[in-house]
């Protein structure tokens, strides 16, 4: 039997044991909470350090790489910051040649091509040839079908520039028989990023005219493989230029221009080497082939040239006599070529006087 004294001792020890257990549980609880809090705090600290390091790197690269050509791969997500270059053309009945043209400028690094389709309403469509390029958003077809007011080139150029100049750093305005050749760069961005063009608002690339290689008929091969003979000494044709115009100009480039290949007098025009040249003239002589020029396949074969005459030009009616005389100003006269011309147009050609 437990006496009163022992019972008091037992009761006291029980109370002390309960208090000790409560203190231990409380310490364990507090320790667990502190551990969880510390882990979160350290994780937050680590993330903050990582963010500060990345932000510092971005600020550093932005300050020390102001030139866009030097910071193409240095943004936060390693995405390219590149000069955007577009190409505007207007053409008619060119399905045989349009794929080679598009492939050439895609290889040069152009970001987009705007094709103004000037076919007659019931004629061929570029969509059938360029379906893949259209789906990949590399080519846009603009409906200019059936337009024949002798100003459609002007209108197409103005429309293309007004709609796209804010989204592109440069816009080129070439024809489908003109292939830009770069002499010192691998792509168009490298060329246009050069400081030689810093103050230029229009870069005028000279033609380099090519002959017919004495070919008579169309062949299903690339134009640049079929015709390989340039005429460096042809002053009349090689002085012609085509333009690559800077985007975001304060007013339309052609507002007071006398021809589609001229510019308003307000803008600064440069040759391929960056030298300032005549702003208004659609010519530049002597030709400047320093960093780029346009390989111009104006004639191709006599058969193809006759078909070109038959379809007409986008902005004017054709003078048959002048056109055939122009052909033989760059290509050798042969009986075979004359016979093909006479058969197609049912005319008689005066070989001695080079006239119809």
C-alpha atoms as a PDB file:
ATOM      1  CA  UNK A   1       0.000   0.000   0.000  1.00  0.00           C
ATOM      2  CA  UNK A   2       1.382   3.387  -1.094  1.00  0.00           C
ATOM      3  CA  UNK A   3       1.597   5.974   1.641  1.00  0.00           C
ATOM      4  CA  UNK A   4       0.803   9.599   1.180  1.00  0.00           C
ATOM      5  CA  UNK A   5       4.451  10.696   0.924  1.00  0.00           C
ATOM      6  CA  UNK A   6       5.258   8.261  -1.858  1.00  0.00           C
ATOM      7  CA  UNK A   7       2.127   9.239  -3.718  1.00  0.00           C
ATOM      8  CA  UNK A   8       3.154  12.891  -3.656  1.00  0.00           C
ATOM      9  CA  UNK A   9       6.591  12.006  -5.018  1.00  0.00           C
ATOM     10  CA  UNK A  10       5.041   9.910  -7.773  1.00  0.00           C
ATOM     11  CA  UNK A  11       2.639  12.692  -8.707  1.00  0.00           C
ATOM     12  CA  UNK A  12       5.457  15.248  -8.830  1.00  0.00           C
ATOM     13  CA  UNK A  13       7.636  13.040 -11.037  1.00  0.00           C
ATOM     14  CA  UNK A  14       4.693  12.461 -13.398  1.00  0.00           C
ATOM     15  CA  UNK A  15       4.120  16.196 -13.735  1.00  0.00           C
ATOM     16  CA  UNK A  16       7.848  16.792 -14.389  1.00  0.00           C
ATOM     17  CA  UNK A  17       7.904  14.035 -17.039  1.00  0.00           C
ATOM     18  CA  UNK A  18       4.974  15.553 -18.876  1.00  0.00           C
ATOM     19  CA  UNK A  19       6.614  18.982 -18.829  1.00  0.00           C
ATOM     20  CA  UNK A  20       9.885  17.561 -20.126  1.00  0.00           C
ATOM     21  CA  UNK A  21       8.040  15.772 -22.945  1.00  0.00           C
ATOM     22  CA  UNK A  22       6.246  18.988 -23.865  1.00  0.00           C
ATOM     23  CA  UNK A  23       9.525  20.933 -23.899  1.00  0.00           C
ATOM     24  CA  UNK A  24      11.186  18.286 -26.095  1.00  0.00           C
ATOM     25  CA  UNK A  25       8.237  18.274 -28.507  1.00  0.00           C
ATOM     26  CA  UNK A  26       8.282  22.052 -28.656  1.00  0.00           C
ATOM     27  CA  UNK A  27      12.033  22.137 -29.338  1.00  0.00           C
ATOM     28  CA  UNK A  28      11.676  19.518 -32.038  1.00  0.00           C
ATOM     29  CA  UNK A  29       8.819  21.457 -33.644  1.00  0.00           C
ATOM     30  CA  UNK A  30      10.758  24.707 -33.530  1.00  0.00           C
ATOM     31  CA  UNK A  31      13.875  23.014 -34.952  1.00  0.00           C
ATOM     32  CA  UNK A  32      11.867  21.538 -37.832  1.00  0.00           C
ATOM     33  CA  UNK A  33      10.289  24.888 -38.641  1.00  0.00           C
ATOM     34  CA  UNK A  34      13.679  26.618 -38.569  1.00  0.00           C
ATOM     35  CA  UNK A  35      15.146  23.970 -40.914  1.00  0.00           C
ATOM     36  CA  UNK A  36      12.322  24.402 -43.422  1.00  0.00           C
ATOM     37  CA  UNK A  37      12.583  28.174 -43.237  1.00  0.00           C
ATOM     38  CA  UNK A  38      16.351  28.055 -43.727  1.00  0.00           C
ATOM     39  CA  UNK A  39      16.021  25.807 -46.782  1.00  0.00           C
ATOM     40  CA  UNK A  40      13.526  28.171 -48.399  1.00  0.00           C
ATOM     41  CA  UNK A  41      15.669  31.142 -47.508  1.00  0.00           C
ATOM     42  CA  UNK A  42      18.810  29.599 -48.989  1.00  0.00           C
ATOM     43  CA  UNK A  43      16.919  28.567 -52.162  1.00  0.00           C
ATOM     44  CA  UNK A  44      15.538  32.084 -52.570  1.00  0.00           C
ATOM     45  CA  UNK A  45      19.013  33.514 -52.030  1.00  0.00           C
ATOM     46  CA  UNK A  46      20.486  31.178 -54.669  1.00  0.00           C
ATOM     47  CA  UNK A  47      17.819  32.125 -57.240  1.00  0.00           C
ATOM     48  CA  UNK A  48      18.405  35.798 -56.512  1.00  0.00           C
ATOM     49  CA  UNK A  49      22.144  35.397 -57.134  1.00  0.00           C
ATOM     50  CA  UNK A  50      21.515  33.580 -60.440  1.00  0.00           C
ATOM     51  CA  UNK A  51      19.110  36.288 -61.603  1.00  0.00           C
ATOM     52  CA  UNK A  52      21.560  39.074 -60.685  1.00  0.00           C
ATOM     53  CA  UNK A  53      24.384  37.320 -62.597  1.00  0.00           C
ATOM     54  CA  UNK A  54      22.238  36.883 -65.751  1.00  0.00           C
ATOM     55  CA  UNK A  55      20.986  40.460 -65.578  1.00  0.00           C
ATOM     56  CA  UNK A  56      24.540  41.760 -65.150  1.00  0.00           C
ATOM     57  CA  UNK A  57      25.705  39.795 -68.195  1.00  0.00           C
ATOM     58  CA  UNK A  58      22.843  41.205 -70.267  1.00  0.00           C
ATOM     59  CA  UNK A  59      23.648  44.772 -69.212  1.00  0.00           C
ATOM     60  CA  UNK A  60      27.324  44.205 -69.953  1.00  0.00           C
ATOM     61  CA  UNK A  61      26.709  42.816 -73.457  1.00  0.00           C
ATOM     62  CA  UNK A  62      24.233  45.598 -74.264  1.00  0.00           C
ATOM     63  CA  UNK A  63      26.683  48.343 -73.254  1.00  0.00           C
ATOM     64  CA  UNK A  64      29.722  46.901 -75.006  1.00  0.00           C
ATOM     65  CA  UNK A  65      28.013  45.556 -78.122  1.00  0.00           C
ATOM     66  CA  UNK A  66      26.088  48.538 -79.425  1.00  0.00           C
ATOM     67  CA  UNK A  67      26.760  47.664 -83.045  1.00  0.00           C
ATOM     68  CA  UNK A  68      24.030  45.252 -84.110  1.00  0.00           C
ATOM     69  CA  UNK A  69      26.480  43.159 -86.104  1.00  0.00           C
ATOM     70  CA  UNK A  70      28.419  42.377 -82.891  1.00  0.00           C
ATOM     71  CA  UNK A  71      25.487  41.281 -80.757  1.00  0.00           C
ATOM     72  CA  UNK A  72      23.613  38.815 -82.873  1.00  0.00           C
ATOM     73  CA  UNK A  73      23.877  36.005 -80.326  1.00  0.00           C
ATOM     74  CA  UNK A  74      24.123  37.780 -76.988  1.00  0.00           C
ATOM     75  CA  UNK A  75      20.592  38.327 -75.751  1.00  0.00           C
ATOM     76  CA  UNK A  76      19.064  36.470 -72.809  1.00  0.00           C
ATOM     77  CA  UNK A  77      17.689  33.538 -74.812  1.00  0.00           C
ATOM     78  CA  UNK A  78      20.552  33.343 -77.331  1.00  0.00           C
ATOM     79  CA  UNK A  79      18.209  34.472 -80.152  1.00  0.00           C
ATOM     80  CA  UNK A  80      19.666  36.276 -83.142  1.00  0.00           C
ATOM     81  CA  UNK A  81      19.329  40.037 -83.295  1.00  0.00           C
ATOM     82  CA  UNK A  82      19.895  40.534 -86.997  1.00  0.00           C
ATOM     83  CA  UNK A  83      19.332  43.067 -89.701  1.00  0.00           C
ATOM     84  CA  UNK A  84      16.025  42.236 -91.399  1.00  0.00           C
ATOM     85  CA  UNK A  85      16.061  42.489 -95.181  1.00  0.00           C
ATOM     86  CA  UNK A  86      13.056  42.142 -97.489  1.00  0.00           C
ATOM     87  CA  UNK A  87      12.790  41.973-101.273  1.00  0.00           C
ATOM     88  CA  UNK A  88      10.014  43.423-103.445  1.00  0.00           C
ATOM     89  CA  UNK A  89       9.449  42.400-107.077  1.00  0.00           C
ATOM     90  CA  UNK A  90       6.670  42.735-109.619  1.00  0.00           C
ATOM     91  CA  UNK A  91       6.547  40.146-112.389  1.00  0.00           C
ATOM     92  CA  UNK A  92       4.421  38.517-115.051  1.00  0.00           C
ATOM     93  CA  UNK A  93       4.450  35.001-116.575  1.00  0.00           C
ATOM     94  CA  UNK A  94       7.611  33.977-114.753  1.00  0.00           C
ATOM     95  CA  UNK A  95       6.664  30.568-113.333  1.00  0.00           C
ATOM     96  CA  UNK A  96       9.580  28.952-115.178  1.00  0.00           C
ATOM     97  CA  UNK A  97      12.099  31.145-113.343  1.00  0.00           C
ATOM     98  CA  UNK A  98      10.556  32.145-110.018  1.00  0.00           C
ATOM     99  CA  UNK A  99      11.787  29.134-108.018  1.00  0.00           C
ATOM    100  CA  UNK A 100      15.444  29.738-108.876  1.00  0.00           C
ATOM    101  CA  UNK A 101      15.024  33.415-108.044  1.00  0.00           C
ATOM    102  CA  UNK A 102      13.488  32.694-104.637  1.00  0.00           C
ATOM    103  CA  UNK A 103      16.111  30.038-103.809  1.00  0.00           C
ATOM    104  CA  UNK A 104      18.922  32.440-104.665  1.00  0.00           C
ATOM    105  CA  UNK A 105      17.724  35.191-102.332  1.00  0.00           C
ATOM    106  CA  UNK A 106      16.875  32.760 -99.579  1.00  0.00           C
ATOM    107  CA  UNK A 107      20.460  31.504 -99.728  1.00  0.00           C
ATOM    108  CA  UNK A 108      21.710  35.101 -99.504  1.00  0.00           C
ATOM    109  CA  UNK A 109      19.860  35.498 -96.202  1.00  0.00           C
ATOM    110  CA  UNK A 110      16.868  37.604 -97.199  1.00  0.00           C
ATOM    111  CA  UNK A 111      14.123  37.324 -94.587  1.00  0.00           C
ATOM    112  CA  UNK A 112      11.109  37.657 -96.877  1.00  0.00           C
ATOM    113  CA  UNK A 113      10.124  38.158-100.522  1.00  0.00           C
ATOM    114  CA  UNK A 114       7.032  40.113-101.588  1.00  0.00           C
ATOM    115  CA  UNK A 115       5.955  39.103-105.099  1.00  0.00           C
ATOM    116  CA  UNK A 116       3.497  41.420-106.841  1.00  0.00           C
ATOM    117  CA  UNK A 117       1.676  39.128-109.272  1.00  0.00           C
ATOM    118  CA  UNK A 118       1.009  41.160-112.427  1.00  0.00           C
ATOM    119  CA  UNK A 119      -0.279  38.267-114.539  1.00  0.00           C
ATOM    120  CA  UNK A 120      -3.537  38.661-116.397  1.00  0.00           C
ATOM    121  CA  UNK A 121      -6.539  37.418-114.429  1.00  0.00           C
ATOM    122  CA  UNK A 122      -6.839  34.151-116.374  1.00  0.00           C
ATOM    123  CA  UNK A 123      -3.097  33.354-116.478  1.00  0.00           C
ATOM    124  CA  UNK A 124      -0.743  31.243-114.336  1.00  0.00           C
ATOM    125  CA  UNK A 125      -0.401  31.647-110.573  1.00  0.00           C
ATOM    126  CA  UNK A 126       2.844  31.839-108.608  1.00  0.00           C
ATOM    127  CA  UNK A 127       1.129  29.996-105.739  1.00  0.00           C
ATOM    128  CA  UNK A 128       1.326  26.718-107.656  1.00  0.00           C
ATOM    129  CA  UNK A 129       5.134  26.894-107.823  1.00  0.00           C
ATOM    130  CA  UNK A 130       5.902  28.480-104.447  1.00  0.00           C
ATOM    131  CA  UNK A 131       3.458  26.614-102.217  1.00  0.00           C
ATOM    132  CA  UNK A 132       6.130  25.517 -99.701  1.00  0.00           C
ATOM    133  CA  UNK A 133       7.706  28.962 -99.464  1.00  0.00           C
ATOM    134  CA  UNK A 134       4.305  30.562 -98.919  1.00  0.00           C
ATOM    135  CA  UNK A 135       3.391  28.035 -96.202  1.00  0.00           C
ATOM    136  CA  UNK A 136       6.714  28.698 -94.448  1.00  0.00           C
ATOM    137  CA  UNK A 137       5.999  32.443 -94.575  1.00  0.00           C
ATOM    138  CA  UNK A 138       9.074  33.223 -96.672  1.00  0.00           C
ATOM    139  CA  UNK A 139       7.053  34.461 -99.657  1.00  0.00           C
ATOM    140  CA  UNK A 140       3.963  36.668 -99.827  1.00  0.00           C
ATOM    141  CA  UNK A 141       2.007  36.946-103.076  1.00  0.00           C
ATOM    142  CA  UNK A 142       0.343  40.338-103.577  1.00  0.00           C
ATOM    143  CA  UNK A 143      -2.519  40.432-106.082  1.00  0.00           C
ATOM    144  CA  UNK A 144      -1.707  42.896-108.874  1.00  0.00           C
ATOM    145  CA  UNK A 145      -3.300  40.749-111.548  1.00  0.00           C
ATOM    146  CA  UNK A 146      -4.740  42.509-114.575  1.00  0.00           C
ATOM    147  CA  UNK A 147      -3.226  45.906-113.787  1.00  0.00           C
ATOM    148  CA  UNK A 148      -1.884  47.613-116.905  1.00  0.00           C
ATOM    149  CA  UNK A 149      -1.841  51.368-116.423  1.00  0.00           C
ATOM    150  CA  UNK A 150       1.873  51.904-117.190  1.00  0.00           C
ATOM    151  CA  UNK A 151       2.484  52.862-113.550  1.00  0.00           C
ATOM    152  CA  UNK A 152       2.173  49.512-111.830  1.00  0.00           C
ATOM    153  CA  UNK A 153       5.901  49.286-111.030  1.00  0.00           C
ATOM    154  CA  UNK A 154       5.772  52.649-109.245  1.00  0.00           C
ATOM    155  CA  UNK A 155       2.582  51.621-107.467  1.00  0.00           C
ATOM    156  CA  UNK A 156       3.938  48.221-106.426  1.00  0.00           C
ATOM    157  CA  UNK A 157       7.171  49.705-105.066  1.00  0.00           C
ATOM    158  CA  UNK A 158       5.351  52.417-103.124  1.00  0.00           C
ATOM    159  CA  UNK A 159       2.857  49.892-101.743  1.00  0.00           C
ATOM    160  CA  UNK A 160       5.568  47.442-100.716  1.00  0.00           C
ATOM    161  CA  UNK A 161       7.638  50.115 -98.986  1.00  0.00           C
ATOM    162  CA  UNK A 162       4.715  51.750 -97.166  1.00  0.00           C
ATOM    163  CA  UNK A 163       3.410  48.427 -95.848  1.00  0.00           C
ATOM    164  CA  UNK A 164       6.724  46.878 -94.820  1.00  0.00           C
ATOM    165  CA  UNK A 165       9.382  49.513 -94.155  1.00  0.00           C
ATOM    166  CA  UNK A 166       8.712  49.635 -90.411  1.00  0.00           C
ATOM    167  CA  UNK A 167       9.315  45.883 -90.086  1.00  0.00           C
ATOM    168  CA  UNK A 168      12.504  45.712 -92.166  1.00  0.00           C
ATOM    169  CA  UNK A 169      15.833  47.491 -91.887  1.00  0.00           C
ATOM    170  CA  UNK A 170      16.302  47.361 -95.679  1.00  0.00           C
ATOM    171  CA  UNK A 171      14.082  46.582 -98.676  1.00  0.00           C
ATOM    172  CA  UNK A 172      15.512  45.650-102.092  1.00  0.00           C
ATOM    173  CA  UNK A 173      13.649  46.379-105.335  1.00  0.00           C
ATOM    174  CA  UNK A 174      14.882  44.043-108.071  1.00  0.00           C
ATOM    175  CA  UNK A 175      13.541  42.226-111.129  1.00  0.00           C
ATOM    176  CA  UNK A 176      13.245  38.477-111.600  1.00  0.00           C
ATOM    177  CA  UNK A 177      16.145  38.361-114.088  1.00  0.00           C
ATOM    178  CA  UNK A 178      18.514  40.081-111.618  1.00  0.00           C
ATOM    179  CA  UNK A 179      20.626  38.039-109.195  1.00  0.00           C
ATOM    180  CA  UNK A 180      22.579  39.902-106.524  1.00  0.00           C
ATOM    181  CA  UNK A 181      26.191  38.728-106.298  1.00  0.00           C
ATOM    182  CA  UNK A 182      28.189  39.539-103.146  1.00  0.00           C
ATOM    183  CA  UNK A 183      31.937  39.772-103.673  1.00  0.00           C
ATOM    184  CA  UNK A 184      33.198  39.878-100.060  1.00  0.00           C
ATOM    185  CA  UNK A 185      30.333  38.647 -97.868  1.00  0.00           C
ATOM    186  CA  UNK A 186      28.434  35.393 -97.444  1.00  0.00           C
ATOM    187  CA  UNK A 187      25.027  36.941 -96.782  1.00  0.00           C
ATOM    188  CA  UNK A 188      23.117  40.176 -97.183  1.00  0.00           C
ATOM    189  CA  UNK A 189      23.118  40.986 -93.443  1.00  0.00           C
ATOM    190  CA  UNK A 190      26.916  40.979 -93.279  1.00  0.00           C
ATOM    191  CA  UNK A 191      27.028  43.336 -96.243  1.00  0.00           C
ATOM    192  CA  UNK A 192      24.449  45.835 -94.997  1.00  0.00           C
ATOM    193  CA  UNK A 193      25.727  45.855 -91.404  1.00  0.00           C
ATOM    194  CA  UNK A 194      29.049  47.297 -92.572  1.00  0.00           C
ATOM    195  CA  UNK A 195      29.784  50.818 -91.374  1.00  0.00           C
ATOM    196  CA  UNK A 196      30.462  51.957 -94.965  1.00  0.00           C
ATOM    197  CA  UNK A 197      26.675  52.243 -95.378  1.00  0.00           C
ATOM    198  CA  UNK A 198      26.074  54.030 -92.074  1.00  0.00           C
ATOM    199  CA  UNK A 199      24.930  57.272 -93.729  1.00  0.00           C
ATOM    200  CA  UNK A 200      23.355  55.681 -96.829  1.00  0.00           C
ATOM    201  CA  UNK A 201      19.609  55.547 -97.343  1.00  0.00           C
ATOM    202  CA  UNK A 202      19.755  53.919-100.758  1.00  0.00           C
ATOM    203  CA  UNK A 203      22.414  51.491-102.017  1.00  0.00           C
ATOM    204  CA  UNK A 204      22.452  51.381-105.813  1.00  0.00           C
ATOM    205  CA  UNK A 205      23.790  48.115-107.231  1.00  0.00           C
ATOM    206  CA  UNK A 206      25.005  48.220-110.838  1.00  0.00           C
ATOM    207  CA  UNK A 207      24.028  45.683-113.467  1.00  0.00           C
ATOM    208  CA  UNK A 208      26.485  43.295-115.024  1.00  0.00           C
ATOM    209  CA  UNK A 209      24.835  42.207-118.263  1.00  0.00           C
ATOM    210  CA  UNK A 210      25.141  38.595-119.508  1.00  0.00           C
ATOM    211  CA  UNK A 211      24.934  37.316-123.078  1.00  0.00           C
ATOM    212  CA  UNK A 212      22.844  34.453-124.498  1.00  0.00           C
ATOM    213  CA  UNK A 213      25.810  32.030-124.677  1.00  0.00           C
ATOM    214  CA  UNK A 214      24.573  31.430-128.251  1.00  0.00           C
ATOM    215  CA  UNK A 215      21.732  29.305-126.889  1.00  0.00           C
ATOM    216  CA  UNK A 216      18.604  29.227-129.023  1.00  0.00           C
ATOM    217  CA  UNK A 217      15.910  27.644-126.839  1.00  0.00           C
ATOM    218  CA  UNK A 218      14.730  27.285-123.268  1.00  0.00           C
ATOM    219  CA  UNK A 219      16.287  24.503-121.181  1.00  0.00           C
ATOM    220  CA  UNK A 220      14.995  23.229-117.856  1.00  0.00           C
ATOM    221  CA  UNK A 221      18.169  24.222-116.019  1.00  0.00           C
ATOM    222  CA  UNK A 222      19.062  27.155-113.729  1.00  0.00           C
ATOM    223  CA  UNK A 223      19.573  30.423-115.554  1.00  0.00           C
ATOM    224  CA  UNK A 224      22.888  31.032-113.807  1.00  0.00           C
ATOM    225  CA  UNK A 225      24.225  27.699-115.061  1.00  0.00           C
ATOM    226  CA  UNK A 226      23.068  28.195-118.651  1.00  0.00           C
ATOM    227  CA  UNK A 227      24.391  31.721-119.183  1.00  0.00           C
ATOM    228  CA  UNK A 228      27.937  32.307-118.016  1.00  0.00           C
ATOM    229  CA  UNK A 229      29.366  35.057-120.254  1.00  0.00           C
ATOM    230  CA  UNK A 230      29.289  38.577-118.733  1.00  0.00           C
ATOM    231  CA  UNK A 231      29.919  41.718-120.780  1.00  0.00           C
ATOM    232  CA  UNK A 232      32.092  43.907-118.546  1.00  0.00           C
ATOM    233  CA  UNK A 233      32.641  46.491-121.271  1.00  0.00           C
ATOM    234  CA  UNK A 234      28.979  47.172-122.092  1.00  0.00           C
ATOM    235  CA  UNK A 235      28.682  50.741-120.829  1.00  0.00           C
ATOM    236  CA  UNK A 236      25.082  51.288-121.906  1.00  0.00           C
ATOM    237  CA  UNK A 237      23.572  48.442-119.865  1.00  0.00           C
ATOM    238  CA  UNK A 238      26.036  48.162-116.984  1.00  0.00           C
ATOM    239  CA  UNK A 239      25.495  51.766-115.886  1.00  0.00           C
ATOM    240  CA  UNK A 240      21.923  50.853-114.878  1.00  0.00           C
ATOM    241  CA  UNK A 241      21.254  50.409-111.167  1.00  0.00           C
ATOM    242  CA  UNK A 242      18.649  48.887-108.860  1.00  0.00           C
ATOM    243  CA  UNK A 243      17.996  50.001-105.302  1.00  0.00           C
ATOM    244  CA  UNK A 244      18.134  48.623-101.787  1.00  0.00           C
ATOM    245  CA  UNK A 245      16.387  51.189 -99.575  1.00  0.00           C
ATOM    246  CA  UNK A 246      16.723  51.702 -95.838  1.00  0.00           C
ATOM    247  CA  UNK A 247      13.543  51.138 -93.837  1.00  0.00           C
ATOM    248  CA  UNK A 248      11.830  53.604 -91.518  1.00  0.00           C
ATOM    249  CA  UNK A 249      12.561  56.658 -93.667  1.00  0.00           C
ATOM    250  CA  UNK A 250      10.579  59.783 -92.642  1.00  0.00           C
ATOM    251  CA  UNK A 251       8.623  59.862 -95.901  1.00  0.00           C
ATOM    252  CA  UNK A 252       8.041  57.653 -98.922  1.00  0.00           C
ATOM    253  CA  UNK A 253      11.206  57.081-100.891  1.00  0.00           C
ATOM    254  CA  UNK A 254       9.569  57.656-104.285  1.00  0.00           C
ATOM    255  CA  UNK A 255       7.441  60.682-103.418  1.00  0.00           C
ATOM    256  CA  UNK A 256       9.169  62.916-106.014  1.00  0.00           C
ATOM    257  CA  UNK A 257      11.241  60.357-107.929  1.00  0.00           C
ATOM    258  CA  UNK A 258      11.213  60.586-111.738  1.00  0.00           C
ATOM    259  CA  UNK A 259      11.578  56.808-112.281  1.00  0.00           C
ATOM    260  CA  UNK A 260      11.052  53.665-110.152  1.00  0.00           C
ATOM    261  CA  UNK A 261      14.845  53.315-110.010  1.00  0.00           C
ATOM    262  CA  UNK A 262      15.486  56.870-108.840  1.00  0.00           C
ATOM    263  CA  UNK A 263      14.951  58.411-105.425  1.00  0.00           C
ATOM    264  CA  UNK A 264      13.676  61.622-103.970  1.00  0.00           C
ATOM    265  CA  UNK A 265      16.466  64.213-103.894  1.00  0.00           C
ATOM    266  CA  UNK A 266      16.253  64.352-100.095  1.00  0.00           C
ATOM    267  CA  UNK A 267      17.811  60.921 -99.581  1.00  0.00           C
ATOM    268  CA  UNK A 268      21.488  59.934 -99.684  1.00  0.00           C
ATOM    269  CA  UNK A 269      22.401  57.372-102.351  1.00  0.00           C
ATOM    270  CA  UNK A 270      25.558  55.269-102.300  1.00  0.00           C
ATOM    271  CA  UNK A 271      27.276  52.848-104.627  1.00  0.00           C
ATOM    272  CA  UNK A 272      28.361  49.336-103.662  1.00  0.00           C
ATOM    273  CA  UNK A 273      31.536  50.720-102.047  1.00  0.00           C
ATOM    274  CA  UNK A 274      29.575  53.213 -99.915  1.00  0.00           C
ATOM    275  CA  UNK A 275      30.610  56.195-102.031  1.00  0.00           C
ATOM    276  CA  UNK A 276      27.967  58.915-102.357  1.00  0.00           C
ATOM    277  CA  UNK A 277      26.540  59.098-105.891  1.00  0.00           C
ATOM    278  CA  UNK A 278      23.776  60.879-107.801  1.00  0.00           C
ATOM    279  CA  UNK A 279      20.528  60.579-105.835  1.00  0.00           C
ATOM    280  CA  UNK A 280      18.060  60.964-108.675  1.00  0.00           C
ATOM    281  CA  UNK A 281      19.724  59.267-111.634  1.00  0.00           C
ATOM    282  CA  UNK A 282      18.878  55.588-112.373  1.00  0.00           C
ATOM    283  CA  UNK A 283      22.476  55.230-113.627  1.00  0.00           C
ATOM    284  CA  UNK A 284      25.908  55.007-112.058  1.00  0.00           C
ATOM    285  CA  UNK A 285      28.998  55.137-114.234  1.00  0.00           C
ATOM    286  CA  UNK A 286      31.578  53.754-114.054  1.00  0.00           C
ATOM    287  CA  UNK A 287      29.909  50.689-112.518  1.00  0.00           C
ATOM    288  CA  UNK A 288      30.920  49.910-108.938  1.00  0.00           C
ATOM    289  CA  UNK A 289      31.269  46.159-108.383  1.00  0.00           C
ATOM    290  CA  UNK A 290      33.358  46.494-105.199  1.00  0.00           C
ATOM    291  CA  UNK A 291      31.082  44.626-102.790  1.00  0.00           C
ATOM    292  CA  UNK A 292      28.053  43.618-104.828  1.00  0.00           C
ATOM    293  CA  UNK A 293      26.415  43.786-108.246  1.00  0.00           C
ATOM    294  CA  UNK A 294      23.381  42.445-110.094  1.00  0.00           C
ATOM    295  CA  UNK A 295      23.978  39.671-112.592  1.00  0.00           C
ATOM    296  CA  UNK A 296      21.414  40.655-115.197  1.00  0.00           C
ATOM    297  CA  UNK A 297      20.159  37.908-117.512  1.00  0.00           C
ATOM    298  CA  UNK A 298      18.282  40.288-119.737  1.00  0.00           C
ATOM    299  CA  UNK A 299      18.044  38.167-122.882  1.00  0.00           C
ATOM    300  CA  UNK A 300      18.557  34.482-122.079  1.00  0.00           C
ATOM    301  CA  UNK A 301      18.056  32.523-125.333  1.00  0.00           C
ATOM    302  CA  UNK A 302      16.482  34.064-128.434  1.00  0.00           C
ATOM    303  CA  UNK A 303      13.336  31.963-127.931  1.00  0.00           C
ATOM    304  CA  UNK A 304      12.967  33.133-124.328  1.00  0.00           C
ATOM    305  CA  UNK A 305      13.665  36.718-125.309  1.00  0.00           C
ATOM    306  CA  UNK A 306      10.914  36.626-127.933  1.00  0.00           C
ATOM    307  CA  UNK A 307       8.494  35.260-125.357  1.00  0.00           C
ATOM    308  CA  UNK A 308       9.529  38.118-123.074  1.00  0.00           C
ATOM    309  CA  UNK A 309       8.665  40.600-125.831  1.00  0.00           C
ATOM    310  CA  UNK A 310       5.304  38.937-126.427  1.00  0.00           C
ATOM    311  CA  UNK A 311       4.205  39.103-122.783  1.00  0.00           C
ATOM    312  CA  UNK A 312       5.019  42.822-122.534  1.00  0.00           C
ATOM    313  CA  UNK A 313       6.636  44.785-119.737  1.00  0.00           C
ATOM    314  CA  UNK A 314       4.920  45.614-116.475  1.00  0.00           C
ATOM    315  CA  UNK A 315       4.983  49.362-117.028  1.00  0.00           C
ATOM    316  CA  UNK A 316       4.992  50.023-120.780  1.00  0.00           C
ATOM    317  CA  UNK A 317       4.046  48.773-124.215  1.00  0.00           C
ATOM    318  CA  UNK A 318       6.705  46.965-126.218  1.00  0.00           C
ATOM    319  CA  UNK A 319       8.543  48.475-129.174  1.00  0.00           C
ATOM    320  CA  UNK A 320       9.382  45.300-131.106  1.00  0.00           C
ATOM    321  CA  UNK A 321      11.991  46.959-133.283  1.00  0.00           C
ATOM    322  CA  UNK A 322      13.838  48.428-130.308  1.00  0.00           C
ATOM    323  CA  UNK A 323      13.703  45.203-128.322  1.00  0.00           C
ATOM    324  CA  UNK A 324      15.185  43.002-131.034  1.00  0.00           C
ATOM    325  CA  UNK A 325      17.865  45.620-131.711  1.00  0.00           C
ATOM    326  CA  UNK A 326      18.686  45.585-128.026  1.00  0.00           C
ATOM    327  CA  UNK A 327      19.031  41.816-128.133  1.00  0.00           C
ATOM    328  CA  UNK A 328      21.668  41.976-130.825  1.00  0.00           C
ATOM    329  CA  UNK A 329      23.476  44.797-129.044  1.00  0.00           C
ATOM    330  CA  UNK A 330      24.555  42.243-126.433  1.00  0.00           C
ATOM    331  CA  UNK A 331      24.338  38.956-128.360  1.00  0.00           C
ATOM    332  CA  UNK A 332      25.994  37.791-131.547  1.00  0.00           C
ATOM    333  CA  UNK A 333      23.841  37.826-134.697  1.00  0.00           C
ATOM    334  CA  UNK A 334      23.407  34.420-136.348  1.00  0.00           C
ATOM    335  CA  UNK A 335      21.078  33.160-139.067  1.00  0.00           C
ATOM    336  CA  UNK A 336      19.516  30.686-136.646  1.00  0.00           C
ATOM    337  CA  UNK A 337      18.558  33.412-134.195  1.00  0.00           C
ATOM    338  CA  UNK A 338      17.138  35.600-136.952  1.00  0.00           C
ATOM    339  CA  UNK A 339      15.064  32.713-138.291  1.00  0.00           C
ATOM    340  CA  UNK A 340      13.552  32.053-134.872  1.00  0.00           C
ATOM    341  CA  UNK A 341      12.679  35.729-134.429  1.00  0.00           C
ATOM    342  CA  UNK A 342      11.117  35.994-137.900  1.00  0.00           C
ATOM    343  CA  UNK A 343       9.075  32.826-137.357  1.00  0.00           C
ATOM    344  CA  UNK A 344       7.691  33.881-133.993  1.00  0.00           C
ATOM    345  CA  UNK A 345       6.703  37.408-135.044  1.00  0.00           C
ATOM    346  CA  UNK A 346       6.111  36.854-138.758  1.00  0.00           C
ATOM    347  CA  UNK A 347       8.428  39.706-139.753  1.00  0.00           C
ATOM    348  CA  UNK A 348      11.479  40.101-141.935  1.00  0.00           C
ATOM    349  CA  UNK A 349      14.748  41.146-140.286  1.00  0.00           C
ATOM    350  CA  UNK A 350      17.313  43.229-142.175  1.00  0.00           C
ATOM    351  CA  UNK A 351      20.558  41.608-141.097  1.00  0.00           C
ATOM    352  CA  UNK A 352      22.759  44.251-142.684  1.00  0.00           C
ATOM    353  CA  UNK A 353      21.049  47.176-140.986  1.00  0.00           C
ATOM    354  CA  UNK A 354      20.070  45.200-137.867  1.00  0.00           C
ATOM    355  CA  UNK A 355      16.484  46.296-138.243  1.00  0.00           C
ATOM    356  CA  UNK A 356      13.000  44.927-138.924  1.00  0.00           C
END
